[in-house]
Each structure stands twice: as C-alpha cells, then as structure tokens.
Amino acid sequence: MLREQVSRNLWTDPARTRYFLLPDDPRLPPGEFVLRTVTGRELRVEEGAAAAFEVSEAEAREWVKAEFGEMLDGVRAGVERFVEKLKQGPGGGAEETVNPHTEETDEPVVEPHESRP
C-alpha cells in the first residue's frame, strides 16, 4: 500500500539541540515551547504535542540531505533541458512550417468570400 507523501519542514528548538519534522501546515496546540525553521518561521506550541514529531539529529541530517538532493535533481534536469535547446539551435529543433498563403510571415490570410448565386 502506498503512503501519501506529506510535505514537511525541519524545525528546531532555539538552542538547536532538538529537531522536529512538522507538516507544512502544523496544527499543534499553542503553548510556550518555541520552534524555529532555518528561514526564520517561529511557532509557540505545547511541548508534548511537538514531541510526536521529534527526530534525532541523524534523522534531521538525512532529511536535509534528501531534500537538498531533490532540489539538485530538479536544477540538474532544468539545466539539461536548457543545454539541449541550445544544441538544437534557433527554433528549438522544431520543424519550421511555412504557410503557403503568407510568403514567410505569420500574418493571417484573409480569404475572399465566395458569392452565392
């Protein structure tokens, strides 16, 4: 059975000694326990509720490594597509089609209306 992938973020306590992988939209009860992300987001939640999401430092490092790897894969794929387009030259390798009604322009052709008898 496939498990649904939930997007998560890494949070730490202010001392950066405890690590938590919370869903993007954490719905934890408010409290005095402070959590922060590396981007500066801050939550104040009940410590007991956050404990369910706590991970070890090693797990946190592996998560960051995997996230960074996915990001690099996306960048690499984008660069490869860009390089391939450069290799194809102008027009991106697509066959150029010429409209026989328009001598090398993309202007629309207005056909005369036929008159009915």
PDB file of N, CA and C in Angstrom:
ATOM      1  N   MET A   1       0.837  -1.169   0.000  1.00  0.00           N
ATOM      2  CA  MET A   1       0.000   0.000   0.000  1.00  0.00           C
ATOM      3  C   MET A   1       0.894   1.248   0.000  1.00  0.00           C
ATOM      4  N   LEU A   2       0.599   2.211  -0.863  1.00  0.00           N
ATOM      5  CA  LEU A   2       1.387   3.428  -0.949  1.00  0.00           C
ATOM      6  C   LEU A   2       0.947   4.422   0.108  1.00  0.00           C
ATOM      7  N   ARG A   3       1.913   5.040   0.745  1.00  0.00           N
ATOM      8  CA  ARG A   3       1.617   6.091   1.712  1.00  0.00           C
ATOM      9  C   ARG A   3       1.685   7.434   1.010  1.00  0.00           C
ATOM     10  N   GLU A   4       0.772   8.309   1.344  1.00  0.00           N
ATOM     11  CA  GLU A   4       0.750   9.639   0.756  1.00  0.00           C
ATOM     12  C   GLU A   4       1.939  10.433   1.273  1.00  0.00           C
ATOM     13  N   GLN A   5       2.657  11.080   0.361  1.00  0.00           N
ATOM     14  CA  GLN A   5       3.785  11.916   0.743  1.00  0.00           C
ATOM     15  C   GLN A   5       3.274  13.226   1.321  1.00  0.00           C
ATOM     16  N   VAL A   6       3.691  13.532   2.529  1.00  0.00           N
ATOM     17  CA  VAL A   6       3.303  14.785   3.169  1.00  0.00           C
ATOM     18  C   VAL A   6       4.518  15.695   3.170  1.00  0.00           C
ATOM     19  N   SER A   7       4.339  16.899   2.680  1.00  0.00           N
ATOM     20  CA  SER A   7       5.428  17.859   2.663  1.00  0.00           C
ATOM     21  C   SER A   7       5.698  18.308   4.099  1.00  0.00           C
ATOM     22  N   ARG A   8       6.958  18.272   4.465  1.00  0.00           N
ATOM     23  CA  ARG A   8       7.322  18.620   5.835  1.00  0.00           C
ATOM     24  C   ARG A   8       8.457  19.629   5.846  1.00  0.00           C
ATOM     25  N   ASN A   9       8.627  20.262   7.002  1.00  0.00           N
ATOM     26  CA  ASN A   9       9.720  21.204   7.228  1.00  0.00           C
ATOM     27  C   ASN A   9      10.442  20.818   8.498  1.00  0.00           C
ATOM     28  N   LEU A  10      11.726  21.134   8.518  1.00  0.00           N
ATOM     29  CA  LEU A  10      12.537  20.862   9.706  1.00  0.00           C
ATOM     30  C   LEU A  10      12.483  22.059  10.640  1.00  0.00           C
ATOM     31  N   TRP A  11      12.165  21.796  11.887  1.00  0.00           N
ATOM     32  CA  TRP A  11      12.097  22.814  12.938  1.00  0.00           C
ATOM     33  C   TRP A  11      13.054  22.411  14.048  1.00  0.00           C
ATOM     34  N   THR A  12      13.571  23.396  14.783  1.00  0.00           N
ATOM     35  CA  THR A  12      14.431  23.111  15.937  1.00  0.00           C
ATOM     36  C   THR A  12      14.007  23.986  17.103  1.00  0.00           C
ATOM     37  N   ASP A  13      14.493  23.589  18.275  1.00  0.00           N
ATOM     38  CA  ASP A  13      14.298  24.471  19.428  1.00  0.00           C
ATOM     39  C   ASP A  13      15.329  25.600  19.296  1.00  0.00           C
ATOM     40  N   PRO A  14      15.191  26.687  20.060  1.00  0.00           N
ATOM     41  CA  PRO A  14      16.132  27.819  19.920  1.00  0.00           C
ATOM     42  C   PRO A  14      17.606  27.438  20.122  1.00  0.00           C
ATOM     43  N   ALA A  15      17.876  26.448  20.954  1.00  0.00           N
ATOM     44  CA  ALA A  15      19.267  26.019  21.180  1.00  0.00           C
ATOM     45  C   ALA A  15      19.769  25.101  20.065  1.00  0.00           C
ATOM     46  N   ARG A  16      18.877  24.701  19.192  1.00  0.00           N
ATOM     47  CA  ARG A  16      19.186  23.779  18.105  1.00  0.00           C
ATOM     48  C   ARG A  16      19.742  22.448  18.603  1.00  0.00           C
ATOM     49  N   THR A  17      19.130  21.955  19.645  1.00  0.00           N
ATOM     50  CA  THR A  17      19.527  20.661  20.192  1.00  0.00           C
ATOM     51  C   THR A  17      18.442  19.610  19.997  1.00  0.00           C
ATOM     52  N   ARG A  18      17.249  20.050  19.619  1.00  0.00           N
ATOM     53  CA  ARG A  18      16.131  19.136  19.355  1.00  0.00           C
ATOM     54  C   ARG A  18      15.586  19.449  17.962  1.00  0.00           C
ATOM     55  N   TYR A  19      15.163  18.405  17.264  1.00  0.00           N
ATOM     56  CA  TYR A  19      14.750  18.525  15.871  1.00  0.00           C
ATOM     57  C   TYR A  19      13.353  17.934  15.684  1.00  0.00           C
ATOM     58  N   PHE A  20      12.557  18.589  14.828  1.00  0.00           N
ATOM     59  CA  PHE A  20      11.177  18.190  14.617  1.00  0.00           C
ATOM     60  C   PHE A  20      10.855  18.304  13.131  1.00  0.00           C
ATOM     61  N   LEU A  21      10.222  17.273  12.577  1.00  0.00           N
ATOM     62  CA  LEU A  21       9.761  17.313  11.190  1.00  0.00           C
ATOM     63  C   LEU A  21       8.251  17.484  11.231  1.00  0.00           C
ATOM     64  N   LEU A  22       7.821  18.715  10.990  1.00  0.00           N
ATOM     65  CA  LEU A  22       6.404  19.044  11.054  1.00  0.00           C
ATOM     66  C   LEU A  22       5.817  19.184   9.653  1.00  0.00           C
ATOM     67  N   PRO A  23       4.529  18.850   9.498  1.00  0.00           N
ATOM     68  CA  PRO A  23       3.875  19.090   8.211  1.00  0.00           C
ATOM     69  C   PRO A  23       3.918  20.580   7.880  1.00  0.00           C
ATOM     70  N   ASP A  24       3.753  20.899   6.594  1.00  0.00           N
ATOM     71  CA  ASP A  24       3.790  22.300   6.161  1.00  0.00           C
ATOM     72  C   ASP A  24       2.814  23.177   6.936  1.00  0.00           C
ATOM     73  N   ASP A  25       1.664  22.656   7.263  1.00  0.00           N
ATOM     74  CA  ASP A  25       0.662  23.429   7.986  1.00  0.00           C
ATOM     75  C   ASP A  25       0.403  22.748   9.335  1.00  0.00           C
ATOM     76  N   PRO A  26       1.363  22.886  10.266  1.00  0.00           N
ATOM     77  CA  PRO A  26       1.193  22.177  11.540  1.00  0.00           C
ATOM     78  C   PRO A  26       0.021  22.733  12.339  1.00  0.00           C
ATOM     79  N   ARG A  27      -0.761  21.841  12.869  1.00  0.00           N
ATOM     80  CA  ARG A  27      -1.901  22.237  13.687  1.00  0.00           C
ATOM     81  C   ARG A  27      -1.668  21.704  15.091  1.00  0.00           C
ATOM     82  N   LEU A  28      -0.776  22.374  15.792  1.00  0.00           N
ATOM     83  CA  LEU A  28      -0.440  21.976  17.155  1.00  0.00           C
ATOM     84  C   LEU A  28      -1.052  22.972  18.133  1.00  0.00           C
ATOM     85  N   PRO A  29      -1.423  22.495  19.327  1.00  0.00           N
ATOM     86  CA  PRO A  29      -1.992  23.420  20.306  1.00  0.00           C
ATOM     87  C   PRO A  29      -0.973  24.488  20.706  1.00  0.00           C
ATOM     88  N   PRO A  30      -1.410  25.721  20.867  1.00  0.00           N
ATOM     89  CA  PRO A  30      -0.494  26.786  21.271  1.00  0.00           C
ATOM     90  C   PRO A  30       0.077  26.523  22.663  1.00  0.00           C
ATOM     91  N   GLY A  31       1.292  27.007  22.868  1.00  0.00           N
ATOM     92  CA  GLY A  31       1.950  26.837  24.158  1.00  0.00           C
ATOM     93  C   GLY A  31       3.189  27.700  24.243  1.00  0.00           C
ATOM     94  N   GLU A  32       4.066  27.361  25.178  1.00  0.00           N
ATOM     95  CA  GLU A  32       5.277  28.154  25.430  1.00  0.00           C
ATOM     96  C   GLU A  32       6.528  27.585  24.775  1.00  0.00           C
ATOM     97  N   PHE A  33       6.439  26.390  24.186  1.00  0.00           N
ATOM     98  CA  PHE A  33       7.604  25.759  23.568  1.00  0.00           C
ATOM     99  C   PHE A  33       7.844  26.389  22.193  1.00  0.00           C
ATOM    100  N   VAL A  34       9.030  26.967  22.011  1.00  0.00           N
ATOM    101  CA  VAL A  34       9.351  27.687  20.773  1.00  0.00           C
ATOM    102  C   VAL A  34      10.070  26.766  19.792  1.00  0.00           C
ATOM    103  N   LEU A  35       9.590  26.801  18.537  1.00  0.00           N
ATOM    104  CA  LEU A  35      10.226  26.075  17.432  1.00  0.00           C
ATOM    105  C   LEU A  35      10.512  27.071  16.325  1.00  0.00           C
ATOM    106  N   ARG A  36      11.631  26.853  15.630  1.00  0.00           N
ATOM    107  CA  ARG A  36      12.012  27.744  14.522  1.00  0.00           C
ATOM    108  C   ARG A  36      12.519  26.933  13.343  1.00  0.00           C
ATOM    109  N   THR A  37      12.331  27.524  12.160  1.00  0.00           N
ATOM    110  CA  THR A  37      12.924  26.943  10.942  1.00  0.00           C
ATOM    111  C   THR A  37      14.168  27.742  10.588  1.00  0.00           C
ATOM    112  N   VAL A  38      14.942  27.219   9.642  1.00  0.00           N
ATOM    113  CA  VAL A  38      16.134  27.948   9.216  1.00  0.00           C
ATOM    114  C   VAL A  38      15.780  29.232   8.472  1.00  0.00           C
ATOM    115  N   THR A  39      14.546  29.324   7.993  1.00  0.00           N
ATOM    116  CA  THR A  39      14.121  30.523   7.276  1.00  0.00           C
ATOM    117  C   THR A  39      13.512  31.572   8.206  1.00  0.00           C
ATOM    118  N   GLY A  40      13.474  31.277   9.511  1.00  0.00           N
ATOM    119  CA  GLY A  40      13.009  32.268  10.472  1.00  0.00           C
ATOM    120  C   GLY A  40      11.569  32.136  10.932  1.00  0.00           C
ATOM    121  N   ARG A  41      10.839  31.167  10.401  1.00  0.00           N
ATOM    122  CA  ARG A  41       9.476  30.960  10.892  1.00  0.00           C
ATOM    123  C   ARG A  41       9.533  30.514  12.349  1.00  0.00           C
ATOM    124  N   GLU A  42       8.558  30.924  13.110  1.00  0.00           N
ATOM    125  CA  GLU A  42       8.536  30.570  14.534  1.00  0.00           C
ATOM    126  C   GLU A  42       7.139  30.114  14.941  1.00  0.00           C
ATOM    127  N   LEU A  43       7.109  29.082  15.767  1.00  0.00           N
ATOM    128  CA  LEU A  43       5.864  28.580  16.346  1.00  0.00           C
ATOM    129  C   LEU A  43       6.029  28.499  17.849  1.00  0.00           C
ATOM    130  N   ARG A  44       4.963  28.751  18.575  1.00  0.00           N
ATOM    131  CA  ARG A  44       4.925  28.532  20.019  1.00  0.00           C
ATOM    132  C   ARG A  44       3.829  27.504  20.255  1.00  0.00           C
ATOM    133  N   VAL A  45       4.255  26.309  20.665  1.00  0.00           N
ATOM    134  CA  VAL A  45       3.329  25.176  20.786  1.00  0.00           C
ATOM    135  C   VAL A  45       3.514  24.471  22.122  1.00  0.00           C
ATOM    136  N   GLU A  46       2.583  23.542  22.407  1.00  0.00           N
ATOM    137  CA  GLU A  46       2.732  22.703  23.596  1.00  0.00           C
ATOM    138  C   GLU A  46       3.862  21.710  23.315  1.00  0.00           C
ATOM    139  N   GLU A  47       4.787  21.598  24.230  1.00  0.00           N
ATOM    140  CA  GLU A  47       5.944  20.726  24.030  1.00  0.00           C
ATOM    141  C   GLU A  47       5.525  19.277  23.810  1.00  0.00           C
ATOM    142  N   GLY A  48       4.542  18.818  24.552  1.00  0.00           N
ATOM    143  CA  GLY A  48       4.088  17.433  24.412  1.00  0.00           C
ATOM    144  C   GLY A  48       3.531  17.132  23.034  1.00  0.00           C
ATOM    145  N   ALA A  49       2.845  18.087  22.454  1.00  0.00           N
ATOM    146  CA  ALA A  49       2.289  17.891  21.115  1.00  0.00           C
ATOM    147  C   ALA A  49       3.403  17.846  20.065  1.00  0.00           C
ATOM    148  N   ALA A  50       4.435  18.637  20.253  1.00  0.00           N
ATOM    149  CA  ALA A  50       5.557  18.659  19.308  1.00  0.00           C
ATOM    150  C   ALA A  50       6.382  17.381  19.411  1.00  0.00           C
ATOM    151  N   ALA A  51       6.402  16.760  20.576  1.00  0.00           N
ATOM    152  CA  ALA A  51       7.225  15.565  20.798  1.00  0.00           C
ATOM    153  C   ALA A  51       6.890  14.442  19.817  1.00  0.00           C
ATOM    154  N   ALA A  52       5.661  14.373  19.361  1.00  0.00           N
ATOM    155  CA  ALA A  52       5.269  13.328  18.410  1.00  0.00           C
ATOM    156  C   ALA A  52       6.006  13.464  17.082  1.00  0.00           C
ATOM    157  N   PHE A  53       6.551  14.647  16.800  1.00  0.00           N
ATOM    158  CA  PHE A  53       7.239  14.912  15.536  1.00  0.00           C
ATOM    159  C   PHE A  53       8.755  14.991  15.699  1.00  0.00           C
ATOM    160  N   GLU A  54       9.244  14.718  16.901  1.00  0.00           N
ATOM    161  CA  GLU A  54      10.679  14.850  17.164  1.00  0.00           C
ATOM    162  C   GLU A  54      11.463  13.736  16.479  1.00  0.00           C
ATOM    163  N   VAL A  55      12.618  14.111  15.920  1.00  0.00           N
ATOM    164  CA  VAL A  55      13.521  13.163  15.270  1.00  0.00           C
ATOM    165  C   VAL A  55      14.923  13.377  15.836  1.00  0.00           C
ATOM    166  N   SER A  56      15.776  12.404  15.648  1.00  0.00           N
ATOM    167  CA  SER A  56      17.160  12.526  16.120  1.00  0.00           C
ATOM    168  C   SER A  56      17.932  13.480  15.211  1.00  0.00           C
ATOM    169  N   GLU A  57      19.100  13.886  15.674  1.00  0.00           N
ATOM    170  CA  GLU A  57      19.952  14.744  14.844  1.00  0.00           C
ATOM    171  C   GLU A  57      20.337  14.028  13.556  1.00  0.00           C
ATOM    172  N   ALA A  58      20.619  12.733  13.648  1.00  0.00           N
ATOM    173  CA  ALA A  58      20.989  11.964  12.457  1.00  0.00           C
ATOM    174  C   ALA A  58      19.830  11.922  11.454  1.00  0.00           C
ATOM    175  N   GLU A  59      18.608  11.736  11.943  1.00  0.00           N
ATOM    176  CA  GLU A  59      17.438  11.723  11.057  1.00  0.00           C
ATOM    177  C   GLU A  59      17.231  13.097  10.416  1.00  0.00           C
ATOM    178  N   ALA A  60      17.456  14.140  11.193  1.00  0.00           N
ATOM    179  CA  ALA A  60      17.322  15.501  10.670  1.00  0.00           C
ATOM    180  C   ALA A  60      18.348  15.741   9.560  1.00  0.00           C
ATOM    181  N   ARG A  61      19.575  15.292   9.776  1.00  0.00           N
ATOM    182  CA  ARG A  61      20.617  15.461   8.757  1.00  0.00           C
ATOM    183  C   ARG A  61      20.272  14.688   7.482  1.00  0.00           C
ATOM    184  N   GLU A  62      19.772  13.476   7.624  1.00  0.00           N
ATOM    185  CA  GLU A  62      19.386  12.671   6.460  1.00  0.00           C
ATOM    186  C   GLU A  62      18.250  13.327   5.700  1.00  0.00           C
ATOM    187  N   TRP A  63      17.290  13.911   6.436  1.00  0.00           N
ATOM    188  CA  TRP A  63      16.171  14.595   5.793  1.00  0.00           C
ATOM    189  C   TRP A  63      16.677  15.782   4.978  1.00  0.00           C
ATOM    190  N   VAL A  64      17.560  16.589   5.572  1.00  0.00           N
ATOM    191  CA  VAL A  64      18.115  17.750   4.874  1.00  0.00           C
ATOM    192  C   VAL A  64      18.883  17.288   3.632  1.00  0.00           C
ATOM    193  N   LYS A  65      19.666  16.241   3.780  1.00  0.00           N
ATOM    194  CA  LYS A  65      20.440  15.712   2.658  1.00  0.00           C
ATOM    195  C   LYS A  65      19.515  15.258   1.528  1.00  0.00           C
ATOM    196  N   ALA A  66      18.433  14.577   1.855  1.00  0.00           N
ATOM    197  CA  ALA A  66      17.478  14.115   0.840  1.00  0.00           C
ATOM    198  C   ALA A  66      16.779  15.298   0.165  1.00  0.00           C
ATOM    199  N   GLU A  67      16.375  16.290   0.953  1.00  0.00           N
ATOM    200  CA  GLU A  67      15.713  17.473   0.390  1.00  0.00           C
ATOM    201  C   GLU A  67      16.657  18.220  -0.553  1.00  0.00           C
ATOM    202  N   PHE A  68      17.901  18.363  -0.146  1.00  0.00           N
ATOM    203  CA  PHE A  68      18.892  19.045  -0.967  1.00  0.00           C
ATOM    204  C   PHE A  68      19.119  18.258  -2.261  1.00  0.00           C
ATOM    205  N   GLY A  69      19.158  16.931  -2.153  1.00  0.00           N
ATOM    206  CA  GLY A  69      19.337  16.085  -3.331  1.00  0.00           C
ATOM    207  C   GLY A  69      18.197  16.246  -4.319  1.00  0.00           C
ATOM    208  N   GLU A  70      16.946  16.304  -3.823  1.00  0.00           N
ATOM    209  CA  GLU A  70      15.799  16.503  -4.698  1.00  0.00           C
ATOM    210  C   GLU A  70      15.873  17.858  -5.394  1.00  0.00           C
ATOM    211  N   MET A  71      16.283  18.862  -4.640  1.00  0.00           N
ATOM    212  CA  MET A  71      16.397  20.196  -5.217  1.00  0.00           C
ATOM    213  C   MET A  71      17.447  20.187  -6.335  1.00  0.00           C
ATOM    214  N   LEU A  72      18.581  19.555  -6.077  1.00  0.00           N
ATOM    215  CA  LEU A  72      19.641  19.490  -7.087  1.00  0.00           C
ATOM    216  C   LEU A  72      19.198  18.707  -8.318  1.00  0.00           C
ATOM    217  N   ASP A  73      18.420  17.636  -8.115  1.00  0.00           N
ATOM    218  CA  ASP A  73      17.912  16.866  -9.254  1.00  0.00           C
ATOM    219  C   ASP A  73      17.042  17.741 -10.140  1.00  0.00           C
ATOM    220  N   GLY A  74      16.192  18.570  -9.525  1.00  0.00           N
ATOM    221  CA  GLY A  74      15.340  19.475 -10.294  1.00  0.00           C
ATOM    222  C   GLY A  74      16.144  20.498 -11.066  1.00  0.00           C
ATOM    223  N   VAL A  75      17.149  21.053 -10.416  1.00  0.00           N
ATOM    224  CA  VAL A  75      18.015  22.035 -11.083  1.00  0.00           C
ATOM    225  C   VAL A  75      18.771  21.368 -12.228  1.00  0.00           C
ATOM    226  N   ARG A  76      19.293  20.188 -11.972  1.00  0.00           N
ATOM    227  CA  ARG A  76      20.050  19.456 -12.998  1.00  0.00           C
ATOM    228  C   ARG A  76      19.175  19.184 -14.220  1.00  0.00           C
ATOM    229  N   ALA A  77      17.937  18.758 -14.000  1.00  0.00           N
ATOM    230  CA  ALA A  77      17.027  18.474 -15.119  1.00  0.00           C
ATOM    231  C   ALA A  77      16.754  19.746 -15.922  1.00  0.00           C
ATOM    232  N   GLY A  78      16.573  20.860 -15.241  1.00  0.00           N
ATOM    233  CA  GLY A  78      16.338  22.132 -15.926  1.00  0.00           C
ATOM    234  C   GLY A  78      17.530  22.554 -16.762  1.00  0.00           C
ATOM    235  N   VAL A  79      18.714  22.386 -16.219  1.00  0.00           N
ATOM    236  CA  VAL A  79      19.935  22.743 -16.955  1.00  0.00           C
ATOM    237  C   VAL A  79      20.092  21.829 -18.170  1.00  0.00           C
ATOM    238  N   GLU A  80      19.806  20.545 -18.002  1.00  0.00           N
ATOM    239  CA  GLU A  80      19.925  19.621 -19.132  1.00  0.00           C
ATOM    240  C   GLU A  80      18.957  19.982 -20.253  1.00  0.00           C
ATOM    241  N   ARG A  81      17.720  20.381 -19.910  1.00  0.00           N
ATOM    242  CA  ARG A  81      16.760  20.801 -20.937  1.00  0.00           C
ATOM    243  C   ARG A  81      17.257  22.058 -21.643  1.00  0.00           C
ATOM    244  N   PHE A  82      17.807  22.997 -20.885  1.00  0.00           N
ATOM    245  CA  PHE A  82      18.322  24.239 -21.454  1.00  0.00           C
ATOM    246  C   PHE A  82      19.475  23.958 -22.420  1.00  0.00           C
ATOM    247  N   VAL A  83      20.403  23.112 -22.010  1.00  0.00           N
ATOM    248  CA  VAL A  83      21.551  22.771 -22.861  1.00  0.00           C
ATOM    249  C   VAL A  83      21.075  22.076 -24.126  1.00  0.00           C
ATOM    250  N   GLU A  84      20.081  21.204 -24.009  1.00  0.00           N
ATOM    251  CA  GLU A  84      19.553  20.513 -25.181  1.00  0.00           C
ATOM    252  C   GLU A  84      18.943  21.509 -26.171  1.00  0.00           C
ATOM    253  N   LYS A  85      18.233  22.516 -25.665  1.00  0.00           N
ATOM    254  CA  LYS A  85      17.667  23.543 -26.548  1.00  0.00           C
ATOM    255  C   LYS A  85      18.773  24.346 -27.225  1.00  0.00           C
ATOM    256  N   LEU A  86      19.841  24.633 -26.486  1.00  0.00           N
ATOM    257  CA  LEU A  86      20.966  25.351 -27.092  1.00  0.00           C
ATOM    258  C   LEU A  86      21.595  24.535 -28.212  1.00  0.00           C
ATOM    259  N   LYS A  87      21.712  23.229 -28.009  1.00  0.00           N
ATOM    260  CA  LYS A  87      22.299  22.363 -29.032  1.00  0.00           C
ATOM    261  C   LYS A  87      21.435  22.321 -30.286  1.00  0.00           C
ATOM    262  N   GLN A  88      20.127  22.438 -30.110  1.00  0.00           N
ATOM    263  CA  GLN A  88      19.206  22.375 -31.245  1.00  0.00           C
ATOM    264  C   GLN A  88      19.229  23.657 -32.065  1.00  0.00           C
ATOM    265  N   GLY A  89      19.704  24.736 -31.492  1.00  0.00           N
ATOM    266  CA  GLY A  89      19.793  25.998 -32.217  1.00  0.00           C
ATOM    267  C   GLY A  89      18.476  26.747 -32.240  1.00  0.00           C
ATOM    268  N   PRO A  90      18.428  27.819 -33.031  1.00  0.00           N
ATOM    269  CA  PRO A  90      17.206  28.628 -33.116  1.00  0.00           C
ATOM    270  C   PRO A  90      16.013  27.779 -33.537  1.00  0.00           C
ATOM    271  N   GLY A  91      14.888  28.065 -32.934  1.00  0.00           N
ATOM    272  CA  GLY A  91      13.678  27.306 -33.256  1.00  0.00           C
ATOM    273  C   GLY A  91      13.514  26.090 -32.381  1.00  0.00           C
ATOM    274  N   GLY A  92      14.499  25.786 -31.568  1.00  0.00           N
ATOM    275  CA  GLY A  92      14.391  24.668 -30.629  1.00  0.00           C
ATOM    276  C   GLY A  92      14.287  23.311 -31.277  1.00  0.00           C
ATOM    277  N   GLY A  93      14.733  23.187 -32.531  1.00  0.00           N
ATOM    278  CA  GLY A  93      14.700  21.890 -33.190  1.00  0.00           C
ATOM    279  C   GLY A  93      13.354  21.566 -33.798  1.00  0.00           C
ATOM    280  N   ALA A  94      12.384  22.421 -33.626  1.00  0.00           N
ATOM    281  CA  ALA A  94      11.069  22.171 -34.203  1.00  0.00           C
ATOM    282  C   ALA A  94      11.136  22.441 -35.696  1.00  0.00           C
ATOM    283  N   GLU A  95      10.405  21.650 -36.449  1.00  0.00           N
ATOM    284  CA  GLU A  95      10.384  21.873 -37.889  1.00  0.00           C
ATOM    285  C   GLU A  95       9.649  23.174 -38.179  1.00  0.00           C
ATOM    286  N   GLU A  96      10.235  23.956 -39.060  1.00  0.00           N
ATOM    287  CA  GLU A  96       9.582  25.204 -39.433  1.00  0.00           C
ATOM    288  C   GLU A  96       8.532  24.896 -40.484  1.00  0.00           C
ATOM    289  N   THR A  97       7.364  25.439 -40.294  1.00  0.00           N
ATOM    290  CA  THR A  97       6.323  25.245 -41.280  1.00  0.00           C
ATOM    291  C   THR A  97       6.060  26.579 -41.950  1.00  0.00           C
ATOM    292  N   VAL A  98       5.862  26.518 -43.239  1.00  0.00           N
ATOM    293  CA  VAL A  98       5.597  27.732 -43.996  1.00  0.00           C
ATOM    294  C   VAL A  98       4.158  27.677 -44.458  1.00  0.00           C
ATOM    295  N   ASN A  99       3.434  28.737 -44.163  1.00  0.00           N
ATOM    296  CA  ASN A  99       2.061  28.831 -44.608  1.00  0.00           C
ATOM    297  C   ASN A  99       2.100  29.227 -46.082  1.00  0.00           C
ATOM    298  N   PRO A 100       1.559  28.413 -46.977  1.00  0.00           N
ATOM    299  CA  PRO A 100       1.657  28.725 -48.404  1.00  0.00           C
ATOM    300  C   PRO A 100       0.882  29.981 -48.782  1.00  0.00           C
ATOM    301  N   HIS A 101       0.000  30.434 -47.923  1.00  0.00           N
ATOM    302  CA  HIS A 101      -0.800  31.622 -48.212  1.00  0.00           C
ATOM    303  C   HIS A 101      -0.118  32.901 -47.765  1.00  0.00           C
ATOM    304  N   THR A 102       0.975  32.816 -47.070  1.00  0.00           N
ATOM    305  CA  THR A 102       1.569  34.021 -46.481  1.00  0.00           C
ATOM    306  C   THR A 102       3.020  34.189 -46.778  1.00  0.00           C
ATOM    307  N   GLU A 103       3.611  34.215 -47.718  1.00  0.00           N
ATOM    308  CA  GLU A 103       5.011  34.447 -48.009  1.00  0.00           C
ATOM    309  C   GLU A 103       5.899  34.729 -46.794  1.00  0.00           C
ATOM    310  N   GLU A 104       6.260  33.771 -46.015  1.00  0.00           N
ATOM    311  CA  GLU A 104       7.196  33.866 -44.899  1.00  0.00           C
ATOM    312  C   GLU A 104       6.768  34.784 -43.763  1.00  0.00           C
ATOM    313  N   THR A 105       5.513  35.070 -43.621  1.00  0.00           N
ATOM    314  CA  THR A 105       5.071  35.828 -42.458  1.00  0.00           C
ATOM    315  C   THR A 105       4.024  35.009 -41.726  1.00  0.00           C
ATOM    316  N   ASP A 106       3.798  35.337 -40.519  1.00  0.00           N
ATOM    317  CA  ASP A 106       2.772  34.657 -39.738  1.00  0.00           C
ATOM    318  C   ASP A 106       1.485  35.469 -39.701  1.00  0.00           C
ATOM    319  N   GLU A 107       1.379  36.438 -40.604  1.00  0.00           N
ATOM    320  CA  GLU A 107       0.182  37.262 -40.677  1.00  0.00           C
ATOM    321  C   GLU A 107      -0.980  36.380 -41.120  1.00  0.00           C
ATOM    322  N   PRO A 108      -2.171  36.583 -40.566  1.00  0.00           N
ATOM    323  CA  PRO A 108      -3.311  35.778 -41.014  1.00  0.00           C
ATOM    324  C   PRO A 108      -3.699  36.138 -42.438  1.00  0.00           C
ATOM    325  N   VAL A 109      -4.139  35.156 -43.145  1.00  0.00           N
ATOM    326  CA  VAL A 109      -4.560  35.359 -44.517  1.00  0.00           C
ATOM    327  C   VAL A 109      -6.073  35.509 -44.524  1.00  0.00           C
ATOM    328  N   VAL A 110      -6.550  36.536 -45.199  1.00  0.00           N
ATOM    329  CA  VAL A 110      -7.980  36.739 -45.323  1.00  0.00           C
ATOM    330  C   VAL A 110      -8.388  36.239 -46.699  1.00  0.00           C
ATOM    331  N   GLU A 111      -9.169  35.187 -46.711  1.00  0.00           N
ATOM    332  CA  GLU A 111      -9.623  34.610 -47.956  1.00  0.00           C
ATOM    333  C   GLU A 111     -10.855  35.364 -48.427  1.00  0.00           C
ATOM    334  N   PRO A 112     -10.994  35.579 -49.730  1.00  0.00           N
ATOM    335  CA  PRO A 112     -12.201  36.240 -50.229  1.00  0.00           C
ATOM    336  C   PRO A 112     -13.413  35.333 -50.025  1.00  0.00           C
ATOM    337  N   HIS A 113     -14.545  35.951 -49.723  1.00  0.00           N
ATOM    338  CA  HIS A 113     -15.778  35.196 -49.555  1.00  0.00           C
ATOM    339  C   HIS A 113     -16.349  34.848 -50.933  1.00  0.00           C
ATOM    340  N   GLU A 114     -16.837  33.661 -51.015  1.00  0.00           N
ATOM    341  CA  GLU A 114     -17.465  33.281 -52.277  1.00  0.00           C
ATOM    342  C   GLU A 114     -18.883  33.857 -52.293  1.00  0.00           C
ATOM    343  N   SER A 115     -19.281  34.352 -53.408  1.00  0.00           N
ATOM    344  CA  SER A 115     -20.653  34.850 -53.505  1.00  0.00           C
ATOM    345  C   SER A 115     -21.548  33.727 -53.964  1.00  0.00           C
ATOM    346  N   ARG A 116     -22.703  33.686 -53.378  1.00  0.00           N
ATOM    347  CA  ARG A 116     -23.652  32.620 -53.741  1.00  0.00           C
ATOM    348  C   ARG A 116     -24.625  33.155 -54.798  1.00  0.00           C
ATOM    349  N   PRO A 117     -24.965  32.296 -55.747  1.00  0.00           N
ATOM    350  CA  PRO A 117     -25.896  32.733 -56.814  1.00  0.00           C
ATOM    351  C   PRO A 117     -27.305  32.901 -56.307  1.00  0.00           C
TER     352      PRO A 117
END
